[in-house]
C-alpha atoms as a PDB file:
ATOM      1  CA  MET A   1     183.632  95.292 115.469  1.00  0.00           C
ATOM      2  CA  GLN A   2     181.948  98.153 113.636  1.00  0.00           C
ATOM      3  CA  ASN A   3     182.239  95.620 110.383  1.00  0.00           C
ATOM      4  CA  LEU A   4     180.903  92.671 112.795  1.00  0.00           C
ATOM      5  CA  ARG A   5     178.017  94.853 113.313  1.00  0.00           C
ATOM      6  CA  LYS A   6     177.631  95.320 109.948  1.00  0.00           C
ATOM      7  CA  ILE A   7     177.913  92.143 109.217  1.00  0.00           C
ATOM      8  CA  LEU A   8     175.234  90.547 112.354  1.00  0.00           C
ATOM      9  CA  ILE A   9     173.060  93.654 110.960  1.00  0.00           C
ATOM     10  CA  CYS A  10     172.937  92.317 106.969  1.00  0.00           C
ATOM     11  CA  GLY A  11     172.373  88.751 107.754  1.00  0.00           C
ATOM     12  CA  ILE A  12     169.446  89.531 109.556  1.00  0.00           C
ATOM     13  CA  THR A  13     168.052  91.602 107.319  1.00  0.00           C
ATOM     14  CA  PHE A  14     169.381  88.470 104.364  1.00  0.00           C
ATOM     15  CA  ILE A  15     167.252  86.126 106.294  1.00  0.00           C
ATOM     16  CA  ALA A  16     164.102  88.199 107.375  1.00  0.00           C
ATOM     17  CA  VAL A  17     163.654  89.317 104.101  1.00  0.00           C
ATOM     18  CA  THR A  18     163.953  85.854 103.063  1.00  0.00           C
ATOM     19  CA  SER A  19     161.578  83.609 105.156  1.00  0.00           C
ATOM     20  CA  CYS A  20     158.905  86.575 104.623  1.00  0.00           C
ATOM     21  CA  SER A  21     159.106  86.343 100.295  1.00  0.00           C
ATOM     22  CA  SER A  22     159.811  82.613 100.654  1.00  0.00           C
ATOM     23  CA  ASN A  23     156.484  81.958  98.177  1.00  0.00           C
ATOM     24  CA  GLU A  24     154.124  78.470  99.827  1.00  0.00           C
ATOM     25  CA  SER A  25     152.810  77.918  96.321  1.00  0.00           C
ATOM     26  CA  ASN A  26     155.975  75.785  96.383  1.00  0.00           C
ATOM     27  CA  LEU A  27     155.292  73.958  99.563  1.00  0.00           C
ATOM     28  CA  GLN A  28     155.671  70.563  97.300  1.00  0.00           C
ATOM     29  CA  GLN A  29     159.936  71.397  97.394  1.00  0.00           C
ATOM     30  CA  GLY A  30     160.937  71.697 101.204  1.00  0.00           C
ATOM     31  CA  ILE A  31     158.736  67.889 101.643  1.00  0.00           C
ATOM     32  CA  ALA A  32     160.940  64.268 101.541  1.00  0.00           C
ATOM     33  CA  ALA A  33     158.138  61.481 101.450  1.00  0.00           C
ATOM     34  CA  PHE A  34     158.762  58.014 102.692  1.00  0.00           C
ATOM     35  CA  GLY A  35     155.127  57.880 101.914  1.00  0.00           C
ATOM     36  CA  PRO A  36     152.012  59.247 101.096  1.00  0.00           C
ATOM     37  CA  GLU A  37     150.966  60.522 103.709  1.00  0.00           C
ATOM     38  CA  ASP A  38     153.781  62.683 104.099  1.00  0.00           C
ATOM     39  CA  CYS A  39     151.802  64.054 100.546  1.00  0.00           C
ATOM     40  CA  LYS A  40     148.720  65.291 103.223  1.00  0.00           C
ATOM     41  CA  PRO A  41     150.885  68.952 103.242  1.00  0.00           C
ATOM     42  CA  VAL A  42     150.513  69.253  99.079  1.00  0.00           C
ATOM     43  CA  VAL A  43     146.851  67.707  98.712  1.00  0.00           C
ATOM     44  CA  GLU A  44     145.647  70.875 101.686  1.00  0.00           C
ATOM     45  CA  GLN A  45     147.199  73.672  99.647  1.00  0.00           C
ATOM     46  CA  GLN A  46     145.232  71.887  96.582  1.00  0.00           C
ATOM     47  CA  ILE A  47     142.317  72.319  98.106  1.00  0.00           C
ATOM     48  CA  ASN A  48     142.092  75.616  99.504  1.00  0.00           C
ATOM     49  CA  ASP A  49     143.714  76.603  96.263  1.00  0.00           C
ATOM     50  CA  THR A  50     141.347  75.054  93.821  1.00  0.00           C
ATOM     51  CA  ASN A  51     138.520  76.552  96.291  1.00  0.00           C
ATOM     52  CA  ILE A  52     136.954  72.605  97.569  1.00  0.00           C
ATOM     53  CA  ASP A  53     134.029  73.505  99.753  1.00  0.00           C
ATOM     54  CA  ARG A  54     135.838  71.048 102.685  1.00  0.00           C
ATOM     55  CA  ASN A  55     132.091  70.273 103.879  1.00  0.00           C
ATOM     56  CA  LYS A  56     132.057  68.928 100.467  1.00  0.00           C
ATOM     57  CA  ILE A  57     134.470  66.232 101.478  1.00  0.00           C
ATOM     58  CA  SER A  58     133.232  62.966 102.948  1.00  0.00           C
ATOM     59  CA  LYS A  59     137.280  61.463 103.557  1.00  0.00           C
ATOM     60  CA  ILE A  60     141.141  61.740 102.039  1.00  0.00           C
ATOM     61  CA  ASP A  61     142.987  58.619 101.109  1.00  0.00           C
ATOM     62  CA  TYR A  62     146.814  58.272  99.863  1.00  0.00           C
ATOM     63  CA  LEU A  63     147.689  56.014  97.606  1.00  0.00           C
ATOM     64  CA  THR A  64     150.993  54.558  96.709  1.00  0.00           C
ATOM     65  CA  TYR A  65     150.541  53.861  92.261  1.00  0.00           C
ATOM     66  CA  TYR A  66     152.779  51.322  91.054  1.00  0.00           C
ATOM     67  CA  ILE A  67     153.852  52.416  88.079  1.00  0.00           C
ATOM     68  CA  SER A  68     156.585  49.315  86.977  1.00  0.00           C
ATOM     69  CA  GLU A  69     158.221  46.996  89.722  1.00  0.00           C
ATOM     70  CA  SER A  70     161.447  45.252  88.257  1.00  0.00           C
ATOM     71  CA  ASP A  71     165.152  43.964  89.281  1.00  0.00           C
ATOM     72  CA  SER A  72     166.743  47.514  89.565  1.00  0.00           C
ATOM     73  CA  GLY A  73     162.870  48.777  91.484  1.00  0.00           C
ATOM     74  CA  GLU A  74     159.781  49.688  92.171  1.00  0.00           C
ATOM     75  CA  GLU A  75     158.633  52.998  89.805  1.00  0.00           C
ATOM     76  CA  TYR A  76     156.022  54.967  91.788  1.00  0.00           C
ATOM     77  CA  ASN A  77     154.476  58.049  92.734  1.00  0.00           C
ATOM     78  CA  TYR A  78     151.697  59.139  94.907  1.00  0.00           C
ATOM     79  CA  GLN A  79     148.022  59.818  95.024  1.00  0.00           C
ATOM     80  CA  GLY A  80     145.560  62.077  97.237  1.00  0.00           C
ATOM     81  CA  TRP A  81     142.132  60.441  96.253  1.00  0.00           C
ATOM     82  CA  ILE A  82     139.444  63.033  97.691  1.00  0.00           C
ATOM     83  CA  SER A  83     135.968  61.897  97.964  1.00  0.00           C
ATOM     84  CA  PHE A  84     133.059  64.222  98.331  1.00  0.00           C
ATOM     85  CA  ASN A  85     129.306  63.319 100.004  1.00  0.00           C
ATOM     86  CA  SER A  86     128.339  65.850  97.309  1.00  0.00           C
ATOM     87  CA  CYS A  87     128.666  63.871  94.031  1.00  0.00           C
ATOM     88  CA  GLN A  88     130.188  60.455  93.655  1.00  0.00           C
ATOM     89  CA  GLY A  89     133.531  60.000  92.574  1.00  0.00           C
ATOM     90  CA  ASN A  90     136.739  61.927  93.642  1.00  0.00           C
ATOM     91  CA  PHE A  91     139.272  64.591  92.566  1.00  0.00           C
ATOM     92  CA  VAL A  92     142.553  63.518  92.015  1.00  0.00           C
ATOM     93  CA  VAL A  93     146.048  64.989  93.478  1.00  0.00           C
ATOM     94  CA  ASP A  94     149.041  63.391  91.132  1.00  0.00           C
ATOM     95  CA  MET A  95     152.252  63.194  92.644  1.00  0.00           C
ATOM     96  CA  ASN A  96     155.346  62.438  92.600  1.00  0.00           C
ATOM     97  CA  ARG A  97     158.054  61.197  94.914  1.00  0.00           C
ATOM     98  CA  SER A  98     159.283  64.524  96.139  1.00  0.00           C
ATOM     99  CA  CYS A  99     154.982  65.066  96.526  1.00  0.00           C
ATOM    100  CA  GLN A 100     155.594  67.299  93.415  1.00  0.00           C
ATOM    101  CA  ILE A 101     151.729  67.647  91.741  1.00  0.00           C
ATOM    102  CA  ILE A 102     152.072  66.269  87.984  1.00  0.00           C
ATOM    103  CA  LYS A 103     148.284  66.539  88.227  1.00  0.00           C
ATOM    104  CA  THR A 104     144.960  67.207  89.358  1.00  0.00           C
ATOM    105  CA  TYR A 105     141.844  65.809  88.403  1.00  0.00           C
ATOM    106  CA  PRO A 106     138.242  65.227  89.276  1.00  0.00           C
ATOM    107  CA  MET A 107     137.007  61.676  88.286  1.00  0.00           C
ATOM    108  CA  GLY A 108     133.609  59.836  88.758  1.00  0.00           C
ATOM    109  CA  ASN A 109     130.453  62.099  88.670  1.00  0.00           C
ATOM    110  CA  CYS A 110     132.266  64.720  90.165  1.00  0.00           C
ATOM    111  CA  ARG A 111     132.716  68.618  87.936  1.00  0.00           C
ATOM    112  CA  MET A 112     134.165  71.324  89.145  1.00  0.00           C
ATOM    113  CA  GLU A 113     131.422  72.954  89.910  1.00  0.00           C
ATOM    114  CA  ASP A 114     129.969  70.441  92.394  1.00  0.00           C
ATOM    115  CA  ILE A 115     133.140  70.402  94.784  1.00  0.00           C
ATOM    116  CA  VAL A 116     133.742  74.102  95.465  1.00  0.00           C
ATOM    117  CA  ALA A 117     133.036  76.580  97.255  1.00  0.00           C
ATOM    118  CA  GLN A 118     130.276  79.046  96.100  1.00  0.00           C
ATOM    119  CA  ASN A 119     131.443  82.485  96.933  1.00  0.00           C
END
C-alpha cells in the first residue's frame, strides 16, 4: 500500500511539473492541420510574439500555397496573411502542413514599425 501511494504521488507530481513547464511557444508541435484555418492558433501566437497592434489588423486570410502538383501528390504549405488598416500590404506567416512556422515577413508598404504596438 505504501508503494502504491508513493507511485501515485510521484505520478501526480510528474504530471503537474510537466504541464506547468510546457513551452507555449512550441504550440505548432501539437496541431494536426487539415486545412490552413487549422493554423489559426499559431498565427495568433505569432501576432502576440511579434507585438503586432491588433487594432491595426483589418483581416486575416488563411491560404494554401501550392508548391507543386504531380502524379505522386501535391506539395503545399499554409500561409496566414494579415492585412492592416494602417498600411497597404500584409504581414505573412509561412508555415508547413504541420503549422510550423518557416518564416515571417512584411509585404507591400507595411513596415514592422507601422504595425507593431507602440509601448
